[in-house]
Every structure is written in C-alpha cells, then in structure tokens.
C-alpha atoms as a PDB file:
ATOM      1  CA  MET A   1      14.967  -3.026  -2.544  1.00  0.00           C
ATOM      2  CA  LYS A   2      17.811  -5.493  -3.054  1.00  0.00           C
ATOM      3  CA  THR A   3      16.819  -9.124  -2.844  1.00  0.00           C
ATOM      4  CA  ASN A   4      19.191 -10.011  -0.027  1.00  0.00           C
ATOM      5  CA  TYR A   5      17.913  -7.076   2.045  1.00  0.00           C
ATOM      6  CA  TYR A   6      14.280  -8.117   1.800  1.00  0.00           C
ATOM      7  CA  THR A   7      15.196 -11.722   2.324  1.00  0.00           C
ATOM      8  CA  ARG A   8      17.037 -10.819   5.500  1.00  0.00           C
ATOM      9  CA  ARG A   9      14.222  -8.663   6.882  1.00  0.00           C
ATOM     10  CA  SER A  10      11.118 -10.473   5.681  1.00  0.00           C
ATOM     11  CA  SER A  11      11.694 -14.087   4.622  1.00  0.00           C
ATOM     12  CA  ILE A  12      10.558 -15.721   7.862  1.00  0.00           C
ATOM     13  CA  VAL A  13       7.410 -13.637   8.167  1.00  0.00           C
ATOM     14  CA  SER A  14       6.599 -14.103   4.491  1.00  0.00           C
ATOM     15  CA  LEU A  15       7.046 -17.874   4.605  1.00  0.00           C
ATOM     16  CA  VAL A  16       4.809 -18.189   7.649  1.00  0.00           C
ATOM     17  CA  PHE A  17       2.188 -15.979   6.028  1.00  0.00           C
ATOM     18  CA  LEU A  18       2.274 -17.909   2.740  1.00  0.00           C
ATOM     19  CA  ALA A  19       1.975 -21.219   4.556  1.00  0.00           C
ATOM     20  CA  LEU A  20      -1.063 -19.998   6.465  1.00  0.00           C
ATOM     21  CA  GLN A  21      -2.551 -18.531   3.311  1.00  0.00           C
ATOM     22  CA  CYS A  22      -2.118 -21.813   1.447  1.00  0.00           C
ATOM     23  CA  LEU A  23      -3.764 -23.665   4.315  1.00  0.00           C
ATOM     24  CA  ALA A  24      -6.703 -21.280   4.250  1.00  0.00           C
ATOM     25  CA  TYR A  25      -7.025 -21.545   0.465  1.00  0.00           C
ATOM     26  CA  HIS A  26      -6.969 -25.331   0.357  1.00  0.00           C
ATOM     27  CA  SER A  27      -9.389 -25.616   3.250  1.00  0.00           C
ATOM     28  CA  GLY A  28     -11.804 -23.257   1.487  1.00  0.00           C
ATOM     29  CA  ALA A  29     -11.884 -20.875   4.465  1.00  0.00           C
ATOM     30  CA  THR A  30     -10.307 -17.644   5.606  1.00  0.00           C
ATOM     31  CA  LEU A  31      -7.856 -17.600   8.474  1.00  0.00           C
ATOM     32  CA  SER A  32      -9.558 -17.634  11.848  1.00  0.00           C
ATOM     33  CA  SER A  33     -10.225 -14.292  13.473  1.00  0.00           C
ATOM     34  CA  ILE A  34      -8.339 -13.101  16.516  1.00  0.00           C
ATOM     35  CA  SER A  35     -11.210 -12.016  18.705  1.00  0.00           C
ATOM     36  CA  HIS A  36     -11.912 -11.355  22.344  1.00  0.00           C
ATOM     37  CA  GLY A  37     -15.574 -10.414  22.306  1.00  0.00           C
ATOM     38  CA  ALA A  38     -15.737  -6.942  20.758  1.00  0.00           C
ATOM     39  CA  GLU A  39     -11.941  -6.831  20.431  1.00  0.00           C
ATOM     40  CA  PRO A  40      -9.665  -6.405  17.397  1.00  0.00           C
ATOM     41  CA  ARG A  41     -10.318  -8.714  14.467  1.00  0.00           C
ATOM     42  CA  SER A  42      -7.800 -10.244  12.090  1.00  0.00           C
ATOM     43  CA  PHE A  43      -8.660 -12.217   8.965  1.00  0.00           C
ATOM     44  CA  GLU A  44      -7.802 -12.726   5.287  1.00  0.00           C
ATOM     45  CA  LEU A  45     -10.019 -12.832   2.218  1.00  0.00           C
ATOM     46  CA  ARG A  46      -9.663 -12.876  -1.550  1.00  0.00           C
ATOM     47  CA  LEU A  47      -9.811  -9.583  -3.392  1.00  0.00           C
ATOM     48  CA  TRP A  48     -11.902 -11.299  -6.069  1.00  0.00           C
ATOM     49  CA  GLU A  49     -14.112 -14.193  -4.989  1.00  0.00           C
ATOM     50  CA  SER A  50     -14.579 -15.411  -8.566  1.00  0.00           C
ATOM     51  CA  GLY A  51     -10.964 -14.933  -9.602  1.00  0.00           C
ATOM     52  CA  ALA A  52      -8.700 -11.968 -10.323  1.00  0.00           C
ATOM     53  CA  PRO A  53      -8.625 -10.434 -13.825  1.00  0.00           C
ATOM     54  CA  ASP A  54      -6.027 -12.008 -16.104  1.00  0.00           C
ATOM     55  CA  ALA A  55      -5.295 -14.740 -13.530  1.00  0.00           C
ATOM     56  CA  LYS A  56      -3.020 -17.423 -14.978  1.00  0.00           C
ATOM     57  CA  GLY A  57      -4.282 -20.208 -12.746  1.00  0.00           C
ATOM     58  CA  THR A  58      -5.974 -21.029  -9.478  1.00  0.00           C
ATOM     59  CA  GLU A  59      -2.955 -21.574  -7.246  1.00  0.00           C
ATOM     60  CA  PRO A  60      -2.424 -19.331  -4.195  1.00  0.00           C
ATOM     61  CA  LYS A  61       0.048 -17.198  -6.193  1.00  0.00           C
ATOM     62  CA  ASP A  62      -2.765 -16.384  -8.608  1.00  0.00           C
ATOM     63  CA  ILE A  63      -5.110 -15.211  -5.844  1.00  0.00           C
ATOM     64  CA  PRO A  64      -4.421 -11.688  -4.531  1.00  0.00           C
ATOM     65  CA  MET A  65      -5.499 -11.345  -0.923  1.00  0.00           C
ATOM     66  CA  ALA A  66      -6.484  -8.705   1.598  1.00  0.00           C
ATOM     67  CA  MET A  67      -5.028  -9.180   5.086  1.00  0.00           C
ATOM     68  CA  VAL A  68      -7.485  -7.271   7.263  1.00  0.00           C
ATOM     69  CA  ARG A  69      -6.556  -5.981  10.706  1.00  0.00           C
ATOM     70  CA  LEU A  70      -9.388  -4.134  12.474  1.00  0.00           C
ATOM     71  CA  PRO A  71      -8.861  -2.256  15.756  1.00  0.00           C
ATOM     72  CA  ALA A  72     -11.297  -2.368  18.638  1.00  0.00           C
ATOM     73  CA  SER A  73     -13.598   0.639  18.350  1.00  0.00           C
ATOM     74  CA  GLN A  74     -17.179   1.505  19.194  1.00  0.00           C
ATOM     75  CA  LYS A  75     -17.399   3.971  16.298  1.00  0.00           C
ATOM     76  CA  PRO A  76     -16.281   3.878  12.644  1.00  0.00           C
ATOM     77  CA  THR A  77     -12.538   4.228  12.108  1.00  0.00           C
ATOM     78  CA  GLY A  78     -10.297   5.395   9.317  1.00  0.00           C
ATOM     79  CA  ALA A  79      -8.682   2.707   7.159  1.00  0.00           C
ATOM     80  CA  VAL A  80      -5.488   2.345   5.135  1.00  0.00           C
ATOM     81  CA  VAL A  81      -4.661  -0.082   2.324  1.00  0.00           C
ATOM     82  CA  VAL A  82      -0.993  -1.032   2.853  1.00  0.00           C
ATOM     83  CA  CYS A  83       1.244  -1.937  -0.117  1.00  0.00           C
ATOM     84  CA  PRO A  84       4.585  -3.456   1.003  1.00  0.00           C
ATOM     85  CA  GLY A  85       7.652  -2.908  -1.149  1.00  0.00           C
ATOM     86  CA  GLY A  86       9.909  -5.475  -2.766  1.00  0.00           C
ATOM     87  CA  GLY A  87      10.801  -4.198  -6.236  1.00  0.00           C
ATOM     88  CA  TYR A  88       7.660  -5.696  -7.794  1.00  0.00           C
ATOM     89  CA  GLY A  89       9.413  -9.032  -7.348  1.00  0.00           C
ATOM     90  CA  THR A  90       8.566  -9.937  -3.751  1.00  0.00           C
ATOM     91  CA  LEU A  91       6.773  -8.416  -0.765  1.00  0.00           C
ATOM     92  CA  ALA A  92       8.435  -7.138   2.408  1.00  0.00           C
ATOM     93  CA  MET A  93       5.481  -8.388   4.400  1.00  0.00           C
ATOM     94  CA  GLY A  94       7.161  -7.956   7.783  1.00  0.00           C
ATOM     95  CA  HIS A  95       8.466  -4.422   8.378  1.00  0.00           C
ATOM     96  CA  GLU A  96       6.410  -2.896   5.541  1.00  0.00           C
ATOM     97  CA  GLY A  97       3.239  -4.892   6.113  1.00  0.00           C
ATOM     98  CA  LEU A  98       2.507  -6.506   9.442  1.00  0.00           C
ATOM     99  CA  GLU A  99       4.446  -3.922  11.489  1.00  0.00           C
ATOM    100  CA  ILE A 100       2.613  -1.139   9.689  1.00  0.00           C
ATOM    101  CA  ALA A 101      -0.750  -2.750  10.344  1.00  0.00           C
ATOM    102  CA  ALA A 102       0.123  -2.991  14.053  1.00  0.00           C
ATOM    103  CA  TRP A 103       1.095   0.705  14.084  1.00  0.00           C
ATOM    104  CA  LEU A 104      -2.182   1.677  12.440  1.00  0.00           C
ATOM    105  CA  ASN A 105      -4.242  -0.469  14.818  1.00  0.00           C
ATOM    106  CA  LYS A 106      -2.435   1.052  17.795  1.00  0.00           C
ATOM    107  CA  ASN A 107      -3.598   4.430  16.516  1.00  0.00           C
ATOM    108  CA  GLY A 108      -7.173   3.236  16.091  1.00  0.00           C
ATOM    109  CA  VAL A 109      -7.025   2.849  12.306  1.00  0.00           C
ATOM    110  CA  ALA A 110      -7.964  -0.250  10.295  1.00  0.00           C
ATOM    111  CA  ALA A 111      -5.264  -1.807   8.107  1.00  0.00           C
ATOM    112  CA  ILE A 112      -5.833  -3.782   4.917  1.00  0.00           C
ATOM    113  CA  ILE A 113      -2.512  -5.231   3.729  1.00  0.00           C
ATOM    114  CA  CYS A 114      -2.654  -5.846  -0.013  1.00  0.00           C
ATOM    115  CA  ASP A 115      -0.941  -9.110  -0.975  1.00  0.00           C
ATOM    116  CA  TYR A 116      -0.703  -8.081  -4.615  1.00  0.00           C
ATOM    117  CA  ARG A 117       0.559 -10.041  -7.608  1.00  0.00           C
ATOM    118  CA  HIS A 118       4.159  -9.416  -8.768  1.00  0.00           C
ATOM    119  CA  ARG A 119       6.907 -10.862 -10.964  1.00  0.00           C
ATOM    120  CA  SER A 120       7.839 -13.765  -8.676  1.00  0.00           C
ATOM    121  CA  LYS A 121       4.199 -14.837  -8.846  1.00  0.00           C
ATOM    122  CA  GLY A 122       4.332 -14.536 -12.633  1.00  0.00           C
ATOM    123  CA  TYR A 123       2.712 -11.116 -13.017  1.00  0.00           C
ATOM    124  CA  GLY A 124       3.599  -7.672 -14.289  1.00  0.00           C
ATOM    125  CA  HIS A 125       1.563  -4.593 -15.165  1.00  0.00           C
ATOM    126  CA  PRO A 126      -1.373  -4.066 -14.803  1.00  0.00           C
ATOM    127  CA  ALA A 127      -1.946  -6.809 -12.193  1.00  0.00           C
ATOM    128  CA  PRO A 128      -0.460  -4.956  -9.170  1.00  0.00           C
ATOM    129  CA  MET A 129      -2.486  -1.831 -10.004  1.00  0.00           C
ATOM    130  CA  GLN A 130      -5.661  -3.893 -10.430  1.00  0.00           C
ATOM    131  CA  ASP A 131      -5.093  -5.529  -7.040  1.00  0.00           C
ATOM    132  CA  ALA A 132      -4.364  -2.293  -5.161  1.00  0.00           C
ATOM    133  CA  MET A 133      -7.371  -0.517  -6.663  1.00  0.00           C
ATOM    134  CA  ARG A 134      -9.539  -3.496  -5.820  1.00  0.00           C
ATOM    135  CA  ALA A 135      -8.333  -3.348  -2.212  1.00  0.00           C
ATOM    136  CA  VAL A 136      -9.493   0.288  -1.973  1.00  0.00           C
ATOM    137  CA  ARG A 137     -12.865  -0.617  -3.493  1.00  0.00           C
ATOM    138  CA  LEU A 138     -13.215  -3.634  -1.206  1.00  0.00           C
ATOM    139  CA  THR A 139     -12.526  -1.537   1.876  1.00  0.00           C
ATOM    140  CA  ARG A 140     -15.252   0.927   0.912  1.00  0.00           C
ATOM    141  CA  ALA A 141     -17.712  -1.849   0.071  1.00  0.00           C
ATOM    142  CA  LYS A 142     -17.111  -3.459   3.467  1.00  0.00           C
ATOM    143  CA  ALA A 143     -17.150  -0.173   5.409  1.00  0.00           C
ATOM    144  CA  SER A 144     -20.323  -0.892   7.345  1.00  0.00           C
ATOM    145  CA  GLU A 145     -19.399  -4.508   8.071  1.00  0.00           C
ATOM    146  CA  TRP A 146     -15.870  -3.592   9.153  1.00  0.00           C
ATOM    147  CA  ASN A 147     -16.863  -0.471  11.137  1.00  0.00           C
ATOM    148  CA  ILE A 148     -14.945   1.832   8.759  1.00  0.00           C
ATOM    149  CA  SER A 149     -15.724   5.359   7.574  1.00  0.00           C
ATOM    150  CA  ALA A 150     -15.978   5.070   3.791  1.00  0.00           C
ATOM    151  CA  ASP A 151     -14.723   8.652   3.397  1.00  0.00           C
ATOM    152  CA  ARG A 152     -11.528   8.018   5.401  1.00  0.00           C
ATOM    153  CA  VAL A 153      -9.898   5.311   3.270  1.00  0.00           C
ATOM    154  CA  GLY A 154      -6.260   5.889   2.321  1.00  0.00           C
ATOM    155  CA  ILE A 155      -3.385   4.024   0.716  1.00  0.00           C
ATOM    156  CA  TRP A 156       0.186   3.602   2.049  1.00  0.00           C
ATOM    157  CA  GLY A 157       3.073   2.254   0.012  1.00  0.00           C
ATOM    158  CA  PHE A 158       6.771   1.572   0.512  1.00  0.00           C
ATOM    159  CA  SER A 159       9.436   1.639  -2.211  1.00  0.00           C
ATOM    160  CA  ALA A 160       7.928  -0.193  -5.223  1.00  0.00           C
ATOM    161  CA  GLY A 161       4.774  -0.395  -3.128  1.00  0.00           C
ATOM    162  CA  GLY A 162       5.087   3.393  -3.004  1.00  0.00           C
ATOM    163  CA  HIS A 163       5.106   3.432  -6.790  1.00  0.00           C
ATOM    164  CA  LEU A 164       2.012   1.246  -6.723  1.00  0.00           C
ATOM    165  CA  ALA A 165       0.295   3.525  -4.215  1.00  0.00           C
ATOM    166  CA  SER A 166       1.239   6.602  -6.263  1.00  0.00           C
ATOM    167  CA  THR A 167      -0.249   4.907  -9.333  1.00  0.00           C
ATOM    168  CA  VAL A 168      -3.550   4.497  -7.508  1.00  0.00           C
ATOM    169  CA  LEU A 169      -3.336   8.086  -6.221  1.00  0.00           C
ATOM    170  CA  THR A 170      -2.951   9.435  -9.765  1.00  0.00           C
ATOM    171  CA  GLN A 171      -4.780   6.903 -11.970  1.00  0.00           C
ATOM    172  CA  PHE A 172      -7.882   6.030  -9.933  1.00  0.00           C
ATOM    173  CA  ASP A 173     -11.401   5.795 -11.326  1.00  0.00           C
ATOM    174  CA  GLU A 174     -14.873   6.332  -9.905  1.00  0.00           C
ATOM    175  CA  GLY A 175     -15.993   2.714 -10.350  1.00  0.00           C
ATOM    176  CA  ASP A 176     -18.393   1.082 -12.777  1.00  0.00           C
ATOM    177  CA  PRO A 177     -21.985   1.952 -11.811  1.00  0.00           C
ATOM    178  CA  ALA A 178     -23.326  -0.596 -14.295  1.00  0.00           C
ATOM    179  CA  SER A 179     -21.366  -3.528 -12.842  1.00  0.00           C
ATOM    180  CA  SER A 180     -23.197  -6.453 -11.259  1.00  0.00           C
ATOM    181  CA  ASP A 181     -20.280  -6.621  -8.795  1.00  0.00           C
ATOM    182  CA  SER A 182     -21.044  -4.312  -5.864  1.00  0.00           C
ATOM    183  CA  ILE A 183     -17.319  -3.899  -5.124  1.00  0.00           C
ATOM    184  CA  ALA A 184     -16.552  -2.835  -8.706  1.00  0.00           C
ATOM    185  CA  ARG A 185     -19.127  -0.064  -8.370  1.00  0.00           C
ATOM    186  CA  GLU A 186     -17.033   1.605  -5.649  1.00  0.00           C
ATOM    187  CA  SER A 187     -14.479   4.355  -6.354  1.00  0.00           C
ATOM    188  CA  SER A 188     -10.779   3.425  -6.247  1.00  0.00           C
ATOM    189  CA  ARG A 189      -9.797   7.012  -5.361  1.00  0.00           C
ATOM    190  CA  PRO A 190      -8.138   7.042  -1.922  1.00  0.00           C
ATOM    191  CA  ASP A 191      -9.039   9.895   0.418  1.00  0.00           C
ATOM    192  CA  PHE A 192      -5.348  10.362   1.240  1.00  0.00           C
ATOM    193  CA  GLY A 193      -1.979   8.802   0.525  1.00  0.00           C
ATOM    194  CA  ILE A 194       1.239   7.923   2.356  1.00  0.00           C
ATOM    195  CA  LEU A 195       4.410   7.311   0.322  1.00  0.00           C
ATOM    196  CA  CYS A 196       7.585   6.016   1.974  1.00  0.00           C
ATOM    197  CA  TYR A 197      10.828   6.152  -0.025  1.00  0.00           C
ATOM    198  CA  PRO A 198       8.687   5.644  -3.147  1.00  0.00           C
ATOM    199  CA  VAL A 199       9.826   4.784  -6.652  1.00  0.00           C
ATOM    200  CA  ILE A 200       8.380   7.570  -8.811  1.00  0.00           C
ATOM    201  CA  LEU A 201      10.717   8.476 -11.681  1.00  0.00           C
ATOM    202  CA  PHE A 202      10.055   5.585 -14.071  1.00  0.00           C
ATOM    203  CA  GLY A 203      12.255   5.861 -17.151  1.00  0.00           C
ATOM    204  CA  GLN A 204      14.535   8.447 -15.530  1.00  0.00           C
ATOM    205  CA  PRO A 205      18.139   8.157 -14.223  1.00  0.00           C
ATOM    206  CA  LYS A 206      17.104   8.344 -10.542  1.00  0.00           C
ATOM    207  CA  SER A 207      14.498   5.581 -10.844  1.00  0.00           C
ATOM    208  CA  HIS A 208      14.881   1.983  -9.640  1.00  0.00           C
ATOM    209  CA  LYS A 209      15.507  -0.128 -12.731  1.00  0.00           C
ATOM    210  CA  GLY A 210      14.750  -3.408 -10.982  1.00  0.00           C
ATOM    211  CA  SER A 211      11.224  -2.258 -10.247  1.00  0.00           C
ATOM    212  CA  GLU A 212      10.782  -1.105 -13.835  1.00  0.00           C
ATOM    213  CA  THR A 213      11.975  -4.431 -15.225  1.00  0.00           C
ATOM    214  CA  ASN A 214       9.869  -6.544 -12.879  1.00  0.00           C
ATOM    215  CA  LEU A 215       6.743  -4.540 -13.634  1.00  0.00           C
ATOM    216  CA  LEU A 216       7.164  -3.915 -17.371  1.00  0.00           C
ATOM    217  CA  GLY A 217       9.839  -6.282 -18.693  1.00  0.00           C
ATOM    218  CA  LYS A 218      13.329  -5.594 -20.023  1.00  0.00           C
ATOM    219  CA  GLU A 219      12.223  -3.598 -23.072  1.00  0.00           C
ATOM    220  CA  PRO A 220       9.014  -1.815 -22.072  1.00  0.00           C
ATOM    221  CA  ASP A 221       6.957   0.255 -24.442  1.00  0.00           C
ATOM    222  CA  PRO A 222       8.262   3.833 -24.036  1.00  0.00           C
ATOM    223  CA  GLN A 223       4.760   5.305 -23.805  1.00  0.00           C
ATOM    224  CA  LEU A 224       3.728   2.830 -21.123  1.00  0.00           C
ATOM    225  CA  LEU A 225       6.940   3.519 -19.196  1.00  0.00           C
ATOM    226  CA  ALA A 226       6.320   7.267 -19.365  1.00  0.00           C
ATOM    227  CA  SER A 227       2.694   6.820 -18.288  1.00  0.00           C
ATOM    228  CA  LEU A 228       3.893   5.268 -15.030  1.00  0.00           C
ATOM    229  CA  GLN A 229       6.201   8.142 -14.102  1.00  0.00           C
ATOM    230  CA  ASN A 230       3.629   9.233 -11.596  1.00  0.00           C
ATOM    231  CA  ASP A 231       4.837  12.739 -10.782  1.00  0.00           C
ATOM    232  CA  THR A 232       3.680  13.638 -14.301  1.00  0.00           C
ATOM    233  CA  ARG A 233       0.189  12.309 -13.483  1.00  0.00           C
ATOM    234  CA  VAL A 234      -0.458  14.543 -10.461  1.00  0.00           C
ATOM    235  CA  THR A 235      -3.472  16.844 -10.888  1.00  0.00           C
ATOM    236  CA  LYS A 236      -5.660  18.975  -8.646  1.00  0.00           C
ATOM    237  CA  ASP A 237      -7.731  15.821  -8.027  1.00  0.00           C
ATOM    238  CA  THR A 238      -4.801  13.868  -6.563  1.00  0.00           C
ATOM    239  CA  PRO A 239      -5.559  13.122  -2.885  1.00  0.00           C
ATOM    240  CA  PRO A 240      -3.570  14.825  -0.091  1.00  0.00           C
ATOM    241  CA  THR A 241      -0.339  12.912   0.442  1.00  0.00           C
ATOM    242  CA  PHE A 242       2.323  12.534   3.143  1.00  0.00           C
ATOM    243  CA  ILE A 243       5.801  11.584   1.882  1.00  0.00           C
ATOM    244  CA  PHE A 244       8.830  10.254   3.802  1.00  0.00           C
ATOM    245  CA  HIS A 245      12.349   9.635   2.472  1.00  0.00           C
ATOM    246  CA  THR A 246      15.993   9.726   3.618  1.00  0.00           C
ATOM    247  CA  SER A 247      19.022  11.477   2.146  1.00  0.00           C
ATOM    248  CA  GLN A 248      21.207   8.365   2.528  1.00  0.00           C
ATOM    249  CA  ASP A 249      18.920   6.240   0.332  1.00  0.00           C
ATOM    250  CA  THR A 250      20.997   5.290  -2.712  1.00  0.00           C
ATOM    251  CA  THR A 251      18.700   2.498  -3.909  1.00  0.00           C
ATOM    252  CA  VAL A 252      15.761   4.817  -4.515  1.00  0.00           C
ATOM    253  CA  PRO A 253      17.202   8.354  -4.255  1.00  0.00           C
ATOM    254  CA  PRO A 254      15.126  11.066  -2.541  1.00  0.00           C
ATOM    255  CA  GLU A 255      14.714  12.867  -5.872  1.00  0.00           C
ATOM    256  CA  ASN A 256      11.799  10.475  -6.415  1.00  0.00           C
ATOM    257  CA  ALA A 257       9.910  11.817  -3.399  1.00  0.00           C
ATOM    258  CA  ILE A 258      10.874  15.398  -4.186  1.00  0.00           C
ATOM    259  CA  ALA A 259       9.548  15.085  -7.749  1.00  0.00           C
ATOM    260  CA  PHE A 260       6.154  13.887  -6.542  1.00  0.00           C
ATOM    261  CA  TYR A 261       5.902  16.573  -3.877  1.00  0.00           C
ATOM    262  CA  SER A 262       6.944  19.280  -6.346  1.00  0.00           C
ATOM    263  CA  ALA A 263       4.168  18.118  -8.663  1.00  0.00           C
ATOM    264  CA  MET A 264       1.734  18.294  -5.739  1.00  0.00           C
ATOM    265  CA  ILE A 265       2.709  21.913  -5.050  1.00  0.00           C
ATOM    266  CA  LYS A 266       2.291  22.820  -8.727  1.00  0.00           C
ATOM    267  CA  ALA A 267      -1.166  21.198  -8.810  1.00  0.00           C
ATOM    268  CA  GLY A 268      -2.278  22.709  -5.503  1.00  0.00           C
ATOM    269  CA  VAL A 269      -2.465  19.353  -3.693  1.00  0.00           C
ATOM    270  CA  SER A 270      -1.991  19.557   0.072  1.00  0.00           C
ATOM    271  CA  GLY A 271       0.431  17.340   1.955  1.00  0.00           C
ATOM    272  CA  GLU A 272       3.835  17.097   3.586  1.00  0.00           C
ATOM    273  CA  LEU A 273       7.337  15.968   2.578  1.00  0.00           C
ATOM    274  CA  HIS A 274       9.848  14.813   5.216  1.00  0.00           C
ATOM    275  CA  VAL A 275      13.402  13.977   4.121  1.00  0.00           C
ATOM    276  CA  TYR A 276      15.581  12.816   7.025  1.00  0.00           C
ATOM    277  CA  GLU A 277      19.368  12.683   6.875  1.00  0.00           C
ATOM    278  CA  LYS A 278      20.003   9.187   8.254  1.00  0.00           C
ATOM    279  CA  GLY A 279      18.776   5.825   7.026  1.00  0.00           C
ATOM    280  CA  ARG A 280      19.428   3.528   4.100  1.00  0.00           C
ATOM    281  CA  HIS A 281      16.653   2.280   1.845  1.00  0.00           C
ATOM    282  CA  GLY A 282      13.877   0.206   3.363  1.00  0.00           C
ATOM    283  CA  VAL A 283      13.976   1.427   6.981  1.00  0.00           C
ATOM    284  CA  GLY A 284      10.253   0.935   7.607  1.00  0.00           C
ATOM    285  CA  LEU A 285       9.328   2.674  10.856  1.00  0.00           C
ATOM    286  CA  ALA A 286      13.059   3.371  11.447  1.00  0.00           C
ATOM    287  CA  LYS A 287      12.793   2.355  15.107  1.00  0.00           C
ATOM    288  CA  ALA A 288      16.551   2.067  15.679  1.00  0.00           C
ATOM    289  CA  ILE A 289      17.663   5.222  13.835  1.00  0.00           C
ATOM    290  CA  ALA A 290      18.083   8.335  15.955  1.00  0.00           C
ATOM    291  CA  VAL A 291      16.077  11.351  14.756  1.00  0.00           C
ATOM    292  CA  THR A 292      14.695   9.452  11.730  1.00  0.00           C
ATOM    293  CA  SER A 293      12.650   7.332  14.124  1.00  0.00           C
ATOM    294  CA  ASP A 294      10.539  10.444  14.688  1.00  0.00           C
ATOM    295  CA  TRP A 295       8.981  10.261  11.232  1.00  0.00           C
ATOM    296  CA  PRO A 296       6.011   8.100  12.328  1.00  0.00           C
ATOM    297  CA  ASN A 297       5.216  10.792  14.895  1.00  0.00           C
ATOM    298  CA  ALA A 298       5.049  13.350  12.090  1.00  0.00           C
ATOM    299  CA  LEU A 299       2.729  11.010  10.207  1.00  0.00           C
ATOM    300  CA  GLN A 300       0.598  10.535  13.301  1.00  0.00           C
ATOM    301  CA  ARG A 301       0.202  14.294  13.650  1.00  0.00           C
ATOM    302  CA  TRP A 302      -0.731  14.633   9.980  1.00  0.00           C
ATOM    303  CA  LEU A 303      -3.311  11.826  10.117  1.00  0.00           C
ATOM    304  CA  THR A 304      -4.765  13.346  13.266  1.00  0.00           C
ATOM    305  CA  SER A 305      -5.039  16.754  11.598  1.00  0.00           C
ATOM    306  CA  ARG A 306      -6.990  15.130   8.772  1.00  0.00           C
ATOM    307  CA  GLY A 307      -9.352  13.280  11.106  1.00  0.00           C
ATOM    308  CA  VAL A 308      -8.044   9.831  10.147  1.00  0.00           C
ATOM    309  CA  ILE A 309      -6.756   9.250  13.672  1.00  0.00           C
ATOM    310  CA  ASP A 310      -9.550  10.222  16.061  1.00  0.00           C
ATOM    311  CA  THR A 311      -8.346  11.570  19.397  1.00  0.00           C
ATOM    312  CA  SER A 312     -11.701  13.035  20.482  1.00  0.00           C
ATOM    313  CA  ASP A 313     -12.132  10.120  22.868  1.00  0.00           C
ATOM    314  CA  SER A 314     -10.760   6.634  23.447  1.00  0.00           C
ATOM    315  CA  GLN A 315     -11.295   4.194  20.628  1.00  0.00           C
END
C-alpha cells in the first residue's frame, strides 16, 4: 500500500482513466460503450446523478463513478462491485480494478468498479463507505437493464479496498423504503464478499496506519476507530466471504485476514481463508508468483459452488 508501489503499478492506467472520465464529465455524457451487437458492454456512470452526499464541489474528484463491465450472456449473470486498494489515498485502478473486471468478465460475471472518494480527492469517512454501498444498491437497481441477477451481487476489495468491502459486509442496511430515489430503496447488503489482503484491525498493532490516517485523520475519535475494526462487527448476518492473503505481506500482515475469518467461524458465517506463503503486499492476481498464482482458481471454484459463476452452459 506504499505510494511508490501503487504509482509504479497503476499510475499510467489511472491517468488514462481519469482523463477519459474528465472528458466524459465535461461533455455531459458517459464513455462510449464497447459493443459488437449483443457483445460485452463497457461504460461509466455517476453513482449519484444529482450529486454525492457531502460533496465538496462539482469537479470530477467530487463525483464518485461506477465503471461497468458487462459480459456477453443470454441469461442473467452474477455481479461484483470491485473496490481497488490504495490506502484510502489513491486507487490501484490497474491490477486491482481493470484486471479484476477482465477476470470476472472472462468467467461470465459482471464487474462494477467503484471509483470511490478518498483522501487525495479531499475525502475521508464516511464518503468511501457511502460510495461502495451506493454501488451495491445501483447494481441491484439496474439488474434488469444490465442482465444481472439481483440476488447474486457481491463485493470484492483489495487492501484498504478490502477494509472498505468488509465495512459494507458488516455495516450494510436494507435501504430506505420511503425514499423517492429508487436506488436508495435497494439493500446495500452484498450476497457474498471477497477480501484480498484486507486491512481489518483498525486501531490495533497489526493494522495499516496509513489507511487509518487517510480515512479518519491523525487523531481519530477512539469510538469511531473501534467501530471500523470490522472483525468485531461480524454477525450471523454477515454474507459468506472468501479471503486471500500471503504470509510474506509485511505492509498488511495476514493477522488481519485471520481475525476476520476467525470472527466468521465464531458467528457461523460460511466462507474460505487462503493464506499462501509467497508474495508481498498488493500482488493482485499474482500471475507471476509460483503456487500463489493458483489463488484465483480457488476463488473460481468457490464462486462456482455458490452459483455466481454459472457453468451449466456457455454464457
């Protein structure tokens, strides 16, 4: 989660994405779809058409976006809201965003990358949580239009994005039935979760202090800090969750993943924990790391067992 690491892995992709997003914003239109008849679709849209809550302005940095990547399918697919990491100070949009969306699409699953607000955009808590929950609600509200099964909507987060995803997994709500906003009426509870080398232990020695500071400031309220230690928020209603980490991760130690999984066991929540020996922090799909590169296959098997990836026939 170190700045130079994310800069090295993601700066080019992020700059291109931001340039395209700015162009779309100033032109008053979403990015053009990638379409070949009834083929995969790719487009971006605002999470809030009339402006995000607590927005500080109307510049692109004040407008959280959903980057939607829909696979070609004749029947409704599963969907995953993707939260890239970056210490709540940037977004690793390449290997923890676009590459993940491509992996999901290859497996016949829709991807909604959440371009959430963070410290470099001028935002701390609760803006990232608001954005991620809105992305889940938006996906459900658009299920029919996007050919998605509304009961197969998950959330996937990496590093600080893993903390964000775990916040949604443990602090969701059922929506506001009285709202005039049809999206706000939808539940923000994911049907399943995926956490990759997640920050969990807020306020504890094995946490990632940079993420804490970016989200809550240098001297956060102790009660607020404790409320975001998400292993303590796991209950029987927490969705089933798949967790991946590595033993060599010294930036966000594997104790974070273990704490969340231990809380799942105590609460009777189903899921899996995979801790591989090799790999520093931020490996993404770990394509170049022997043995560890198998972890996406374990995830694929788990998603298939839950009916998120449909192998009954070709998509």
